[in-house]
Amino acid sequence: MVTDTGGSAVIDKDGLDALVALLAGRGRTVIGPTVRDGAIVLAELGSGADLPYGWGVELEAGTYRLRAREDGAAFAHSAGPQSWKTFLHPPRVREWSADRGADGDLVVTEDTGTPPAYAFLGVRPCDLRAIAIQDRVLTGGRHTDQAYRGRRERAFLVAVECTEPGATCFCVSMGTGPAAGPGFDLALTEVLDAEGHRFLVRAGSEEGESVLAGLPRSPADPVTREAARERVAEAADRMGRSMPPVDLRTLMRETLTAERWDDVAARCLTCGNCTMVCPTCFCTSTEDVTDLTGDHAERWRHWESCFDLDFSHLPGGPVRESPRSRYRQWATHKLGTWFDQFGSSGCVGCGRCIVWCPVGIDITEEAHALHRERESRAGRPPGPESPS
């Protein structure tokens, strides 16, 4: 578990409700998990009671189901269909509008203003890493996305460590969980045992310490600390998936001509669901629209997917025409060439791409298959692999 800045305590369910109220009282829009339309989704919370107490999920490739829990846990569920990217890097944003005046001149107005002040409650460790990756992509280079920067700088992050991973989770093999890494303002670990239902809270920033000081709390006792540590450690041993224990960057580079790409291409619908639910995919395109008079126009930025045939369209046609080439582009970028661009993997092991693929394509299964094919071609046994 991560070393905190010095502030830690224990709160109960009332303390969690007080946390939501305190953050809202500081002018923040509190976003967190809640049950809606048969799923656990991210939405604005009116109070702690909106959290999905007593709900878990059953996950498999191409499968997502809610299930009732008897223990009343608030955070015993895995990643849902949304990630925090939805709020920090929204799927559709107007960039500017233009109006033609009576004199015929155009007046262009850029969409600016004070970005929203969010408080994200329930950020999983894999998503905490995903936010850090998007920070690097969108603010870490010469071409900073100022809109993203504005939203990100005003965001308060409350991480929740995983104590019950899903069948499609593989954060351990990506080094992103289930314990919370750096970057949080507060981190919670949920504990339910004979001593009661409570949350170990650690502060990771000065603002986090200030918020924690305003909550009804008790000292972080050794029993709760040890229980929290054990639950996170047990979660690490119960991952439902894993990547092969090899250098994925090298694996992707050395298997560009593998036959396995034909196998996955035969199943892939190139729908782009995996890129839409991925917490790190960041590609966008723009769309210009006008009204019927032609006197008003707007430019909108929206998410784009490398599975779209037009994504790589050049004057001579699309560069990647086949499903094989488009899936390979996505997987090799996510697991390989992302390192060359941004210094890390683009995958955090959340498993969303597996769950929300209509045909159940599993990126960990594909990586294992590529590893086996590479070793077979080299005349080497693939060696022990974790089950996937």
Protein backbone atom coordinates (compact mmCIF):
# COMPACT_ATOMS: atom_id res chain seq x y z
CA MET A 1 0.00 0.00 0.00
CA VAL A 2 1.11 3.52 -0.71
CA THR A 3 2.67 5.64 2.00
CA ASP A 4 0.34 8.51 2.81
CA THR A 5 1.28 12.07 3.67
CA GLY A 6 0.70 11.50 7.34
CA GLY A 7 -3.09 11.72 7.60
CA SER A 8 -5.10 8.53 8.04
CA ALA A 9 -8.25 7.62 9.91
CA VAL A 10 -11.30 5.39 9.93
CA ILE A 11 -14.79 6.49 8.89
CA ASP A 12 -18.10 4.64 8.75
CA LYS A 13 -21.03 4.92 6.34
CA ASP A 14 -22.08 8.19 7.93
CA GLY A 15 -18.56 9.46 7.39
CA LEU A 16 -18.79 8.52 3.72
CA ASP A 17 -22.03 10.46 3.45
CA ALA A 18 -20.34 13.38 5.20
CA LEU A 19 -17.52 13.18 2.65
CA VAL A 20 -19.97 13.64 -0.21
CA ALA A 21 -21.65 16.55 1.58
CA LEU A 22 -18.34 18.21 2.45
CA LEU A 23 -17.02 18.00 -1.11
CA ALA A 24 -20.29 19.36 -2.48
CA GLY A 25 -20.18 22.12 0.11
CA ARG A 26 -16.79 23.13 -1.24
CA GLY A 27 -18.33 23.75 -4.61
CA ARG A 28 -17.47 20.45 -6.25
CA THR A 29 -19.70 18.25 -8.37
CA VAL A 30 -19.34 14.83 -6.78
CA ILE A 31 -19.25 11.98 -9.30
CA GLY A 32 -19.28 8.36 -8.22
CA PRO A 33 -20.67 4.89 -8.90
CA THR A 34 -24.40 4.36 -8.68
CA VAL A 35 -26.90 1.80 -9.98
CA ARG A 36 -28.78 2.83 -13.08
CA ASP A 37 -30.26 0.99 -16.08
CA GLY A 38 -28.96 -2.41 -15.03
CA ALA A 39 -25.35 -1.34 -14.53
CA ILE A 40 -23.09 0.46 -12.10
CA VAL A 41 -22.43 3.76 -13.82
CA LEU A 42 -20.67 7.00 -12.95
CA ALA A 43 -23.04 9.89 -12.23
CA GLU A 44 -23.50 12.84 -9.91
CA LEU A 45 -24.12 11.81 -6.32
CA GLY A 46 -26.62 13.67 -4.19
CA SER A 47 -25.47 11.85 -1.05
CA GLY A 48 -23.60 8.78 0.07
CA ALA A 49 -26.87 6.86 -0.11
CA ASP A 50 -26.60 6.95 -3.92
CA LEU A 51 -23.59 4.63 -3.81
CA PRO A 52 -24.24 1.00 -4.91
CA TYR A 53 -24.47 -0.51 -1.45
CA GLY A 54 -25.20 -4.23 -1.69
CA TRP A 55 -24.45 -4.56 -5.40
CA GLY A 56 -21.70 -6.43 -7.17
CA VAL A 57 -21.12 -7.49 -10.75
CA GLU A 58 -20.48 -10.67 -12.70
CA LEU A 59 -18.05 -10.14 -15.55
CA GLU A 60 -16.86 -12.28 -18.42
CA ALA A 61 -15.84 -11.72 -22.00
CA GLY A 62 -18.82 -10.01 -23.62
CA THR A 63 -20.85 -10.29 -20.39
CA TYR A 64 -21.84 -7.84 -17.65
CA ARG A 65 -24.48 -8.55 -15.00
CA LEU A 66 -25.45 -6.90 -11.73
CA ARG A 67 -25.82 -9.19 -8.75
CA ALA A 68 -27.14 -8.52 -5.29
CA ARG A 69 -24.76 -8.90 -2.36
CA GLU A 70 -25.72 -9.76 1.20
CA ASP A 71 -22.91 -7.84 2.90
CA GLY A 72 -23.99 -4.34 1.88
CA ALA A 73 -20.57 -3.37 0.52
CA ALA A 74 -20.41 -0.07 -1.33
CA PHE A 75 -17.38 -0.72 -3.56
CA ALA A 76 -17.37 -4.49 -4.12
CA HIS A 77 -17.75 -4.14 -7.87
CA SER A 78 -15.35 -3.91 -10.78
CA ALA A 79 -15.02 -1.32 -13.51
CA GLY A 80 -18.26 -0.44 -15.26
CA PRO A 81 -18.88 0.74 -18.82
CA GLN A 82 -17.62 4.25 -18.11
CA SER A 83 -14.31 5.60 -16.94
CA TRP A 84 -13.37 9.01 -15.56
CA LYS A 85 -12.27 9.92 -19.08
CA THR A 86 -15.95 10.66 -19.71
CA PHE A 87 -15.63 13.75 -17.48
CA LEU A 88 -12.02 14.79 -18.00
CA HIS A 89 -11.95 14.18 -21.75
CA PRO A 90 -15.67 14.28 -22.69
CA PRO A 91 -16.95 12.37 -25.73
CA ARG A 92 -18.32 15.51 -27.40
CA VAL A 93 -17.33 19.15 -26.81
CA ARG A 94 -18.06 22.32 -28.74
CA GLU A 95 -14.84 24.19 -29.49
CA TRP A 96 -16.16 27.37 -31.11
CA SER A 97 -19.16 28.93 -32.82
CA ALA A 98 -19.34 31.53 -35.61
CA ASP A 99 -22.13 33.94 -36.48
CA ARG A 100 -22.56 36.13 -39.53
CA GLY A 101 -23.70 39.62 -38.63
CA ALA A 102 -25.99 41.94 -40.60
CA ASP A 103 -22.91 43.49 -42.22
CA GLY A 104 -21.74 40.10 -43.44
CA ASP A 105 -18.78 39.86 -41.09
CA LEU A 106 -18.17 36.67 -39.15
CA VAL A 107 -17.77 36.74 -35.40
CA VAL A 108 -16.04 33.65 -34.03
CA THR A 109 -16.49 32.86 -30.34
CA GLU A 110 -14.25 30.28 -28.73
CA ASP A 111 -15.93 28.11 -26.11
CA THR A 112 -14.03 28.92 -22.96
CA GLY A 113 -14.98 29.52 -19.38
CA THR A 114 -14.32 28.14 -15.94
CA PRO A 115 -14.06 24.34 -16.12
CA PRO A 116 -16.16 22.28 -13.71
CA ALA A 117 -14.70 21.41 -10.32
CA TYR A 118 -15.21 17.68 -9.99
CA ALA A 119 -14.71 15.36 -7.04
CA PHE A 120 -14.36 11.77 -8.23
CA LEU A 121 -15.38 9.28 -5.53
CA GLY A 122 -14.48 5.65 -6.15
CA VAL A 123 -11.50 5.88 -8.51
CA ARG A 124 -10.08 2.38 -8.84
CA PRO A 125 -6.28 2.01 -8.82
CA CYS A 126 -6.30 0.98 -12.50
CA ASP A 127 -8.29 4.12 -13.33
CA LEU A 128 -6.00 6.21 -11.15
CA ARG A 129 -3.14 5.06 -13.37
CA ALA A 130 -5.27 5.70 -16.46
CA ILE A 131 -5.76 9.31 -15.39
CA ALA A 132 -2.00 9.65 -14.94
CA ILE A 133 -1.49 8.24 -18.44
CA GLN A 134 -3.96 10.69 -19.95
CA ASP A 135 -2.24 13.49 -18.05
CA ARG A 136 0.99 12.52 -19.84
CA VAL A 137 -0.71 12.27 -23.24
CA LEU A 138 -2.80 15.43 -23.09
CA THR A 139 -0.67 17.76 -20.96
CA GLY A 140 2.82 16.29 -20.97
CA GLY A 141 4.05 17.36 -24.38
CA ARG A 142 4.36 20.44 -26.55
CA HIS A 143 0.71 20.34 -27.61
CA THR A 144 -1.25 20.65 -24.39
CA ASP A 145 -5.01 20.16 -24.41
CA GLN A 146 -5.93 23.24 -22.39
CA ALA A 147 -9.54 22.13 -21.90
CA TYR A 148 -8.37 18.84 -20.40
CA ARG A 149 -5.79 20.61 -18.27
CA GLY A 150 -8.43 22.93 -16.83
CA ARG A 151 -10.73 20.07 -15.85
CA ARG A 152 -7.89 17.95 -14.50
CA GLU A 153 -6.34 20.65 -12.33
CA ARG A 154 -9.67 21.25 -10.60
CA ALA A 155 -10.42 17.57 -9.96
CA PHE A 156 -10.27 16.00 -6.48
CA LEU A 157 -9.60 12.25 -6.59
CA VAL A 158 -10.88 9.81 -3.98
CA ALA A 159 -9.40 6.43 -4.82
CA VAL A 160 -10.89 3.16 -3.59
CA GLU A 161 -8.59 0.16 -3.38
CA CYS A 162 -9.91 -3.07 -4.86
CA THR A 163 -10.81 -5.85 -2.48
CA GLU A 164 -12.84 -7.94 -4.92
CA PRO A 165 -11.53 -8.06 -8.49
CA GLY A 166 -13.66 -9.19 -11.40
CA ALA A 167 -13.11 -12.17 -13.67
CA THR A 168 -11.76 -9.89 -16.39
CA CYS A 169 -9.39 -7.84 -14.22
CA PHE A 170 -5.63 -8.10 -14.82
CA CYS A 171 -4.23 -5.04 -13.06
CA VAL A 172 -1.59 -7.04 -11.17
CA SER A 173 0.16 -8.11 -14.37
CA MET A 174 0.14 -4.48 -15.56
CA GLY A 175 1.46 -3.15 -12.24
CA THR A 176 -1.54 -0.89 -11.69
CA GLY A 177 -3.37 -2.39 -8.71
CA PRO A 178 -5.16 -3.49 -6.65
CA ALA A 179 -3.48 -1.10 -4.19
CA ALA A 180 -3.72 2.59 -4.99
CA GLY A 181 -0.63 4.18 -6.46
CA PRO A 182 0.29 7.87 -6.31
CA GLY A 183 -1.98 10.65 -7.51
CA PHE A 184 -4.95 10.48 -5.12
CA ASP A 185 -6.12 13.14 -2.70
CA LEU A 186 -7.80 10.54 -0.49
CA ALA A 187 -7.69 6.74 -0.65
CA LEU A 188 -10.31 4.46 0.90
CA THR A 189 -10.13 0.77 1.68
CA GLU A 190 -13.48 -0.82 2.53
CA VAL A 191 -13.52 -3.30 5.41
CA LEU A 192 -16.44 -5.47 6.49
CA ASP A 193 -15.88 -7.91 9.34
CA ALA A 194 -17.00 -8.69 12.86
CA GLU A 195 -15.86 -5.23 13.91
CA GLY A 196 -18.33 -3.59 11.51
CA HIS A 197 -18.51 -1.81 8.16
CA ARG A 198 -15.90 0.90 7.87
CA PHE A 199 -13.33 2.54 5.61
CA LEU A 200 -9.66 3.13 6.20
CA VAL A 201 -8.91 6.59 4.78
CA ARG A 202 -5.47 7.92 3.86
CA ALA A 203 -4.65 11.40 2.68
CA GLY A 204 -2.36 11.82 -0.30
CA SER A 205 -2.31 15.61 -0.62
CA GLU A 206 -2.66 18.73 1.46
CA GLU A 207 -6.21 19.22 0.25
CA GLY A 208 -6.90 15.59 1.08
CA GLU A 209 -5.70 16.16 4.63
CA SER A 210 -7.92 19.23 4.89
CA VAL A 211 -10.97 17.26 3.74
CA LEU A 212 -10.18 14.36 6.04
CA ALA A 213 -9.90 16.75 8.99
CA GLY A 214 -13.47 17.87 8.35
CA LEU A 215 -14.98 14.37 8.57
CA PRO A 216 -16.34 12.50 11.59
CA ARG A 217 -13.59 9.95 12.09
CA SER A 218 -11.70 7.80 14.53
CA PRO A 219 -8.00 6.97 14.70
CA ALA A 220 -6.69 4.38 12.25
CA ASP A 221 -6.43 1.40 14.61
CA PRO A 222 -4.08 -1.56 13.95
CA VAL A 223 -6.97 -4.02 13.45
CA THR A 224 -8.48 -1.96 10.64
CA ARG A 225 -5.10 -1.28 9.07
CA GLU A 226 -4.26 -4.98 8.99
CA ALA A 227 -7.70 -5.96 7.72
CA ALA A 228 -7.42 -3.43 4.90
CA ARG A 229 -3.94 -4.66 3.98
CA GLU A 230 -5.07 -8.29 3.94
CA ARG A 231 -8.09 -7.62 1.73
CA VAL A 232 -6.02 -5.81 -0.87
CA ALA A 233 -3.37 -8.56 -0.79
CA GLU A 234 -6.06 -11.23 -1.18
CA ALA A 235 -7.48 -9.36 -4.15
CA ALA A 236 -4.08 -9.44 -5.83
CA ASP A 237 -4.17 -13.24 -5.61
CA ARG A 238 -7.64 -13.46 -7.17
CA MET A 239 -7.14 -11.72 -10.51
CA GLY A 240 -9.34 -13.23 -13.18
CA ARG A 241 -6.90 -12.60 -16.03
CA SER A 242 -3.21 -11.97 -16.62
CA MET A 243 -0.87 -10.92 -19.38
CA PRO A 244 1.95 -13.30 -20.35
CA PRO A 245 5.02 -12.71 -18.15
CA VAL A 246 7.12 -11.28 -20.97
CA ASP A 247 8.13 -7.87 -22.30
CA LEU A 248 4.90 -6.93 -24.09
CA ARG A 249 6.61 -4.19 -26.07
CA THR A 250 9.02 -6.70 -27.58
CA LEU A 251 6.25 -9.27 -28.04
CA MET A 252 4.19 -6.85 -30.11
CA ARG A 253 7.18 -5.85 -32.23
CA GLU A 254 8.18 -9.44 -32.96
CA THR A 255 4.72 -10.76 -33.88
CA LEU A 256 3.54 -8.26 -36.49
CA THR A 257 3.24 -11.04 -39.08
CA ALA A 258 1.76 -13.66 -36.72
CA GLU A 259 -1.08 -15.83 -37.97
CA ARG A 260 -3.00 -15.04 -34.79
CA TRP A 261 -3.94 -11.63 -36.19
CA ASP A 262 -6.00 -13.45 -38.86
CA ASP A 263 -7.77 -15.43 -36.16
CA VAL A 264 -8.82 -12.36 -34.18
CA ALA A 265 -9.72 -10.47 -37.36
CA ALA A 266 -12.20 -13.21 -38.24
CA ARG A 267 -14.04 -12.43 -35.00
CA CYS A 268 -13.58 -8.66 -34.68
CA LEU A 269 -16.54 -6.51 -35.77
CA THR A 270 -14.35 -3.36 -35.86
CA CYS A 271 -17.14 -1.66 -33.89
CA GLY A 272 -14.70 0.33 -31.74
CA ASN A 273 -16.37 -0.56 -28.44
CA CYS A 274 -12.97 -1.36 -26.93
CA THR A 275 -11.68 2.13 -27.70
CA MET A 276 -14.82 3.82 -26.36
CA VAL A 277 -14.67 2.07 -22.97
CA CYS A 278 -10.87 2.17 -22.66
CA PRO A 279 -9.86 4.70 -19.98
CA THR A 280 -6.72 5.76 -21.88
CA CYS A 281 -7.75 5.90 -25.55
CA PHE A 282 -7.68 9.57 -26.45
CA CYS A 283 -8.14 9.98 -30.23
CA THR A 284 -10.58 12.64 -31.43
CA SER A 285 -11.87 14.14 -34.65
CA THR A 286 -13.78 17.33 -35.44
CA GLU A 287 -17.11 18.01 -37.09
CA ASP A 288 -18.31 21.35 -38.44
CA VAL A 289 -22.06 21.97 -38.54
CA THR A 290 -24.17 24.89 -39.74
CA ASP A 291 -27.79 25.91 -39.41
CA LEU A 292 -30.16 26.11 -42.37
CA THR A 293 -29.52 29.80 -42.92
CA GLY A 294 -25.77 29.40 -43.14
CA ASP A 295 -25.36 32.28 -40.70
CA HIS A 296 -24.37 30.13 -37.72
CA ALA A 297 -21.69 27.44 -37.60
CA GLU A 298 -20.11 25.36 -34.86
CA ARG A 299 -17.10 23.11 -34.54
CA TRP A 300 -17.42 20.06 -32.31
CA ARG A 301 -14.70 17.72 -31.16
CA HIS A 302 -15.71 14.12 -30.55
CA TRP A 303 -14.09 10.81 -29.74
CA GLU A 304 -12.77 8.85 -32.68
CA SER A 305 -11.65 5.23 -32.96
CA CYS A 306 -8.78 3.63 -34.86
CA PHE A 307 -11.27 0.90 -35.79
CA ASP A 308 -13.15 3.39 -37.95
CA LEU A 309 -12.30 2.81 -41.63
CA ASP A 310 -12.00 6.56 -42.18
CA PHE A 311 -9.64 7.02 -39.23
CA SER A 312 -6.58 6.49 -41.44
CA HIS A 313 -8.11 7.85 -44.65
CA LEU A 314 -5.68 9.63 -46.96
CA PRO A 315 -6.24 10.93 -50.52
CA GLY A 316 -5.57 7.44 -51.88
CA GLY A 317 -7.93 5.74 -49.43
CA PRO A 318 -7.68 4.29 -45.92
CA VAL A 319 -4.24 3.12 -44.81
CA ARG A 320 -5.66 0.26 -42.74
CA GLU A 321 -8.42 -1.34 -44.81
CA SER A 322 -8.64 -4.76 -43.15
CA PRO A 323 -9.98 -5.69 -39.72
CA ARG A 324 -6.64 -7.44 -39.15
CA SER A 325 -4.67 -4.24 -39.65
CA ARG A 326 -7.02 -2.17 -37.49
CA TYR A 327 -7.10 -4.58 -34.55
CA ARG A 328 -3.34 -5.03 -34.79
CA GLN A 329 -2.85 -1.27 -34.79
CA TRP A 330 -4.91 -0.89 -31.63
CA ALA A 331 -3.30 -3.78 -29.73
CA THR A 332 0.29 -3.06 -30.73
CA HIS A 333 -0.12 0.62 -29.89
CA LYS A 334 -1.79 -0.07 -26.55
CA LEU A 335 0.75 -2.69 -25.44
CA GLY A 336 3.84 -1.71 -27.41
CA THR A 337 4.42 1.55 -29.24
CA TRP A 338 2.71 3.55 -26.50
CA PHE A 339 6.02 3.11 -24.67
CA ASP A 340 7.81 4.86 -27.53
CA GLN A 341 5.42 7.80 -27.46
CA PHE A 342 4.64 8.23 -23.79
CA GLY A 343 7.02 6.06 -21.77
CA SER A 344 4.52 3.51 -20.46
CA SER A 345 1.97 0.97 -21.54
CA GLY A 346 -1.39 2.32 -22.61
CA CYS A 347 -3.17 -0.58 -20.88
CA VAL A 348 -4.01 -0.52 -17.16
CA GLY A 349 -5.61 -3.96 -16.84
CA CYS A 350 -9.15 -2.78 -16.11
CA GLY A 351 -10.68 -5.41 -18.44
CA ARG A 352 -13.35 -3.13 -19.92
CA CYS A 353 -12.37 -3.96 -23.49
CA ILE A 354 -12.99 -7.65 -22.72
CA VAL A 355 -16.36 -7.15 -21.04
CA TRP A 356 -17.80 -4.73 -23.58
CA CYS A 357 -16.62 -6.49 -26.74
CA PRO A 358 -19.80 -7.84 -28.41
CA VAL A 359 -17.99 -11.02 -29.48
CA GLY A 360 -15.90 -11.41 -26.32
CA ILE A 361 -12.42 -10.80 -27.73
CA ASP A 362 -9.97 -10.92 -24.82
CA ILE A 363 -6.79 -8.88 -25.17
CA THR A 364 -5.02 -11.06 -22.58
CA GLU A 365 -5.94 -14.21 -24.51
CA GLU A 366 -4.61 -12.64 -27.71
CA ALA A 367 -1.33 -11.68 -26.02
CA HIS A 368 -0.90 -15.22 -24.68
CA ALA A 369 -1.63 -16.64 -28.13
CA LEU A 370 0.93 -14.34 -29.75
CA HIS A 371 3.48 -15.37 -27.13
CA ARG A 372 2.85 -19.07 -27.80
CA GLU A 373 3.12 -18.58 -31.55
CA ARG A 374 6.37 -16.64 -31.24
CA GLU A 375 7.92 -19.31 -29.03
CA SER A 376 6.72 -22.09 -31.32
CA ARG A 377 8.26 -20.40 -34.34
CA ALA A 378 11.53 -20.08 -32.44
CA GLY A 379 11.40 -23.76 -31.44
CA ARG A 380 11.09 -22.93 -27.76
CA PRO A 381 8.47 -24.11 -25.27
CA PRO A 382 6.31 -21.17 -24.17
CA GLY A 383 7.08 -21.80 -20.50
CA PRO A 384 4.65 -21.55 -17.57
CA GLU A 385 1.85 -19.09 -18.04
CA SER A 386 -0.80 -17.84 -15.69
CA PRO A 387 -4.28 -18.98 -16.67
CA SER A 388 -6.27 -16.47 -18.65
